[in-house]
């Protein structure tokens, strides 16, 4: 399952300075039957999508910082 989140210009500015990206899927009908692995996979895709958006925008400094922060936090995604 692919969950596509449209990003507005205002959201791009906010994401460039974001410490976290939280997506609450509690009670969402598409995720009721998913196990842990599928949820982790979906979250990984969201991380990758944000990273690709930063790279595409040319903001490589923020992209590098984001990856470094994920590694520092030992993010399992």
N, C-alpha and C. Protein backbone atom coordinates (compact mmCIF):
# COMPACT_ATOMS: atom_id res chain seq x y z
N UNK A 1 0.85 -1.17 0.00
CA UNK A 1 0.00 0.00 0.00
C UNK A 1 0.89 1.23 0.00
N UNK A 2 0.56 2.18 -0.84
CA UNK A 2 1.28 3.45 -0.90
C UNK A 2 0.36 4.55 -0.39
N UNK A 3 0.87 5.30 0.54
CA UNK A 3 0.13 6.42 1.12
C UNK A 3 0.79 7.69 0.60
N UNK A 4 0.13 8.44 -0.24
CA UNK A 4 0.71 9.64 -0.82
C UNK A 4 0.16 10.86 -0.09
N UNK A 5 1.06 11.68 0.44
CA UNK A 5 0.68 12.89 1.15
C UNK A 5 1.07 14.10 0.32
N UNK A 6 0.10 14.85 -0.18
CA UNK A 6 0.47 16.04 -0.95
C UNK A 6 1.12 17.08 -0.04
N UNK A 7 2.18 17.70 -0.55
CA UNK A 7 2.92 18.69 0.22
C UNK A 7 2.71 20.06 -0.42
N UNK A 8 2.15 20.98 0.34
CA UNK A 8 1.93 22.34 -0.14
C UNK A 8 3.23 23.14 0.00
N UNK A 9 3.33 24.28 -0.67
CA UNK A 9 4.53 25.12 -0.51
C UNK A 9 4.77 25.51 0.95
N UNK A 10 3.71 25.77 1.69
CA UNK A 10 3.86 26.13 3.10
C UNK A 10 4.41 24.95 3.91
N UNK A 11 3.93 23.75 3.58
CA UNK A 11 4.42 22.56 4.28
C UNK A 11 5.89 22.31 3.97
N UNK A 12 6.34 22.59 2.75
CA UNK A 12 7.75 22.41 2.39
C UNK A 12 8.63 23.27 3.28
N UNK A 13 8.21 24.49 3.50
CA UNK A 13 8.99 25.39 4.36
C UNK A 13 9.02 24.84 5.78
N UNK A 14 7.88 24.38 6.29
CA UNK A 14 7.82 23.84 7.64
C UNK A 14 8.65 22.56 7.75
N UNK A 15 8.61 21.70 6.74
CA UNK A 15 9.36 20.44 6.78
C UNK A 15 10.86 20.67 6.76
N UNK A 16 11.30 21.75 6.12
CA UNK A 16 12.73 22.03 6.07
C UNK A 16 13.29 22.27 7.47
N UNK A 17 12.45 22.72 8.38
CA UNK A 17 12.91 23.04 9.73
C UNK A 17 12.35 22.07 10.78
N UNK A 18 11.71 21.02 10.33
CA UNK A 18 11.04 20.10 11.25
C UNK A 18 12.04 19.20 11.96
N UNK A 19 11.78 18.96 13.21
CA UNK A 19 12.56 17.99 14.00
C UNK A 19 11.98 16.60 13.82
N UNK A 20 10.66 16.52 13.63
CA UNK A 20 9.98 15.23 13.50
C UNK A 20 8.86 15.35 12.47
N UNK A 21 8.51 14.22 11.91
CA UNK A 21 7.33 14.12 11.07
C UNK A 21 6.47 13.03 11.68
N UNK A 22 5.33 13.41 12.20
CA UNK A 22 4.44 12.46 12.87
C UNK A 22 3.18 12.29 12.04
N UNK A 23 2.89 11.06 11.69
CA UNK A 23 1.67 10.73 10.97
C UNK A 23 0.89 9.77 11.83
N UNK A 24 -0.24 10.20 12.35
CA UNK A 24 -1.06 9.37 13.23
C UNK A 24 -2.10 8.64 12.39
N UNK A 25 -1.95 7.33 12.30
CA UNK A 25 -2.86 6.51 11.51
C UNK A 25 -3.80 5.71 12.41
N UNK A 26 -3.88 6.10 13.67
CA UNK A 26 -4.75 5.41 14.62
C UNK A 26 -6.17 5.40 14.11
N UNK A 27 -6.73 4.22 14.00
CA UNK A 27 -8.12 4.09 13.59
C UNK A 27 -8.36 4.22 12.10
N UNK A 28 -7.30 4.43 11.32
CA UNK A 28 -7.48 4.54 9.87
C UNK A 28 -7.87 3.16 9.33
N UNK A 29 -8.95 3.06 8.57
CA UNK A 29 -9.43 1.75 8.11
C UNK A 29 -8.43 0.99 7.24
N UNK A 30 -7.57 1.69 6.51
CA UNK A 30 -6.60 1.00 5.67
C UNK A 30 -5.51 0.30 6.48
N UNK A 31 -5.36 0.65 7.75
CA UNK A 31 -4.29 0.09 8.56
C UNK A 31 -4.79 -0.86 9.65
N UNK A 32 -6.07 -1.12 9.71
CA UNK A 32 -6.61 -1.99 10.75
C UNK A 32 -6.05 -3.41 10.68
N UNK A 33 -5.87 -3.94 9.47
CA UNK A 33 -5.44 -5.32 9.31
C UNK A 33 -3.94 -5.48 9.11
N UNK A 34 -3.19 -4.40 9.11
CA UNK A 34 -1.76 -4.49 8.88
C UNK A 34 -1.02 -4.91 10.13
N UNK A 35 0.01 -5.72 9.93
CA UNK A 35 0.88 -6.09 11.04
C UNK A 35 1.99 -5.07 11.18
N UNK A 36 2.88 -5.29 12.12
CA UNK A 36 3.96 -4.36 12.40
C UNK A 36 4.88 -4.12 11.22
N UNK A 37 5.20 -5.17 10.46
CA UNK A 37 6.14 -5.03 9.35
C UNK A 37 5.60 -4.07 8.29
N UNK A 38 4.33 -4.20 7.96
CA UNK A 38 3.76 -3.35 6.93
C UNK A 38 3.74 -1.89 7.36
N UNK A 39 3.45 -1.64 8.62
CA UNK A 39 3.44 -0.26 9.13
C UNK A 39 4.85 0.32 9.07
N UNK A 40 5.85 -0.45 9.46
CA UNK A 40 7.24 0.02 9.40
C UNK A 40 7.61 0.31 7.95
N UNK A 41 7.20 -0.54 7.04
CA UNK A 41 7.50 -0.31 5.62
C UNK A 41 6.86 0.99 5.13
N UNK A 42 5.63 1.25 5.52
CA UNK A 42 4.96 2.48 5.12
C UNK A 42 5.68 3.71 5.68
N UNK A 43 6.10 3.64 6.93
CA UNK A 43 6.82 4.76 7.53
C UNK A 43 8.16 4.97 6.84
N UNK A 44 8.82 3.89 6.46
CA UNK A 44 10.08 4.01 5.73
C UNK A 44 9.87 4.72 4.40
N UNK A 45 8.79 4.40 3.73
CA UNK A 45 8.49 5.08 2.46
C UNK A 45 8.25 6.57 2.69
N UNK A 46 7.60 6.92 3.79
CA UNK A 46 7.38 8.34 4.10
C UNK A 46 8.71 9.05 4.33
N UNK A 47 9.63 8.39 5.07
CA UNK A 47 10.96 8.97 5.29
C UNK A 47 11.65 9.22 3.95
N UNK A 48 11.60 8.23 3.08
CA UNK A 48 12.27 8.33 1.79
C UNK A 48 11.64 9.43 0.95
N UNK A 49 10.32 9.53 0.96
CA UNK A 49 9.64 10.58 0.19
C UNK A 49 10.06 11.98 0.65
N UNK A 50 10.16 12.18 1.96
CA UNK A 50 10.59 13.48 2.49
C UNK A 50 12.03 13.76 2.06
N UNK A 51 12.88 12.75 2.15
CA UNK A 51 14.27 12.92 1.76
C UNK A 51 14.38 13.25 0.27
N UNK A 52 13.63 12.55 -0.56
CA UNK A 52 13.65 12.83 -2.01
C UNK A 52 13.17 14.24 -2.30
N UNK A 53 12.14 14.69 -1.59
CA UNK A 53 11.63 16.05 -1.80
C UNK A 53 12.71 17.08 -1.46
N UNK A 54 13.45 16.85 -0.39
CA UNK A 54 14.52 17.77 -0.02
C UNK A 54 15.62 17.78 -1.08
N UNK A 55 16.00 16.61 -1.55
CA UNK A 55 17.05 16.52 -2.57
C UNK A 55 16.59 17.20 -3.85
N UNK A 56 15.34 16.92 -4.25
CA UNK A 56 14.80 17.52 -5.47
C UNK A 56 14.75 19.04 -5.38
N UNK A 57 14.50 19.56 -4.18
CA UNK A 57 14.44 21.02 -3.99
C UNK A 57 15.82 21.65 -3.98
N UNK A 58 16.86 20.82 -3.92
CA UNK A 58 18.23 21.33 -3.90
C UNK A 58 18.74 21.62 -2.50
N UNK A 59 17.95 21.32 -1.49
CA UNK A 59 18.34 21.60 -0.10
C UNK A 59 19.14 20.41 0.46
N UNK A 60 20.35 20.25 -0.05
CA UNK A 60 21.16 19.09 0.34
C UNK A 60 21.66 19.19 1.77
N UNK A 61 21.87 20.41 2.28
CA UNK A 61 22.31 20.55 3.67
C UNK A 61 21.27 20.01 4.64
N UNK A 62 20.00 20.35 4.40
CA UNK A 62 18.94 19.85 5.27
C UNK A 62 18.78 18.35 5.10
N UNK A 63 18.92 17.85 3.88
CA UNK A 63 18.82 16.40 3.64
C UNK A 63 19.92 15.66 4.41
N UNK A 64 21.15 16.18 4.34
CA UNK A 64 22.26 15.55 5.06
C UNK A 64 22.03 15.60 6.57
N UNK A 65 21.54 16.73 7.07
CA UNK A 65 21.27 16.85 8.50
C UNK A 65 20.20 15.86 8.92
N UNK A 66 19.15 15.72 8.09
CA UNK A 66 18.06 14.80 8.41
C UNK A 66 18.57 13.36 8.50
N UNK A 67 19.39 12.96 7.53
CA UNK A 67 19.94 11.60 7.55
C UNK A 67 20.84 11.41 8.77
N UNK A 68 21.66 12.40 9.08
CA UNK A 68 22.54 12.31 10.25
C UNK A 68 21.72 12.20 11.53
N UNK A 69 20.63 12.97 11.61
CA UNK A 69 19.77 12.90 12.79
C UNK A 69 19.12 11.52 12.92
N UNK A 70 18.67 10.96 11.79
CA UNK A 70 18.06 9.62 11.83
C UNK A 70 19.07 8.60 12.33
N UNK A 71 20.31 8.70 11.79
CA UNK A 71 21.34 7.75 12.21
C UNK A 71 21.69 7.94 13.68
N UNK A 72 21.75 9.18 14.12
CA UNK A 72 22.07 9.46 15.53
C UNK A 72 21.02 8.89 16.46
N UNK A 73 19.77 8.94 16.03
CA UNK A 73 18.67 8.41 16.84
C UNK A 73 18.51 6.90 16.67
N UNK A 74 19.37 6.32 15.83
CA UNK A 74 19.29 4.88 15.53
C UNK A 74 17.89 4.50 15.07
N UNK A 75 17.39 5.32 14.17
CA UNK A 75 16.06 5.12 13.62
C UNK A 75 16.00 3.76 12.92
N UNK A 76 15.06 2.89 13.30
CA UNK A 76 14.99 1.57 12.67
C UNK A 76 14.42 1.61 11.26
N UNK A 77 14.02 2.77 10.77
CA UNK A 77 13.44 2.87 9.43
C UNK A 77 14.51 3.10 8.44
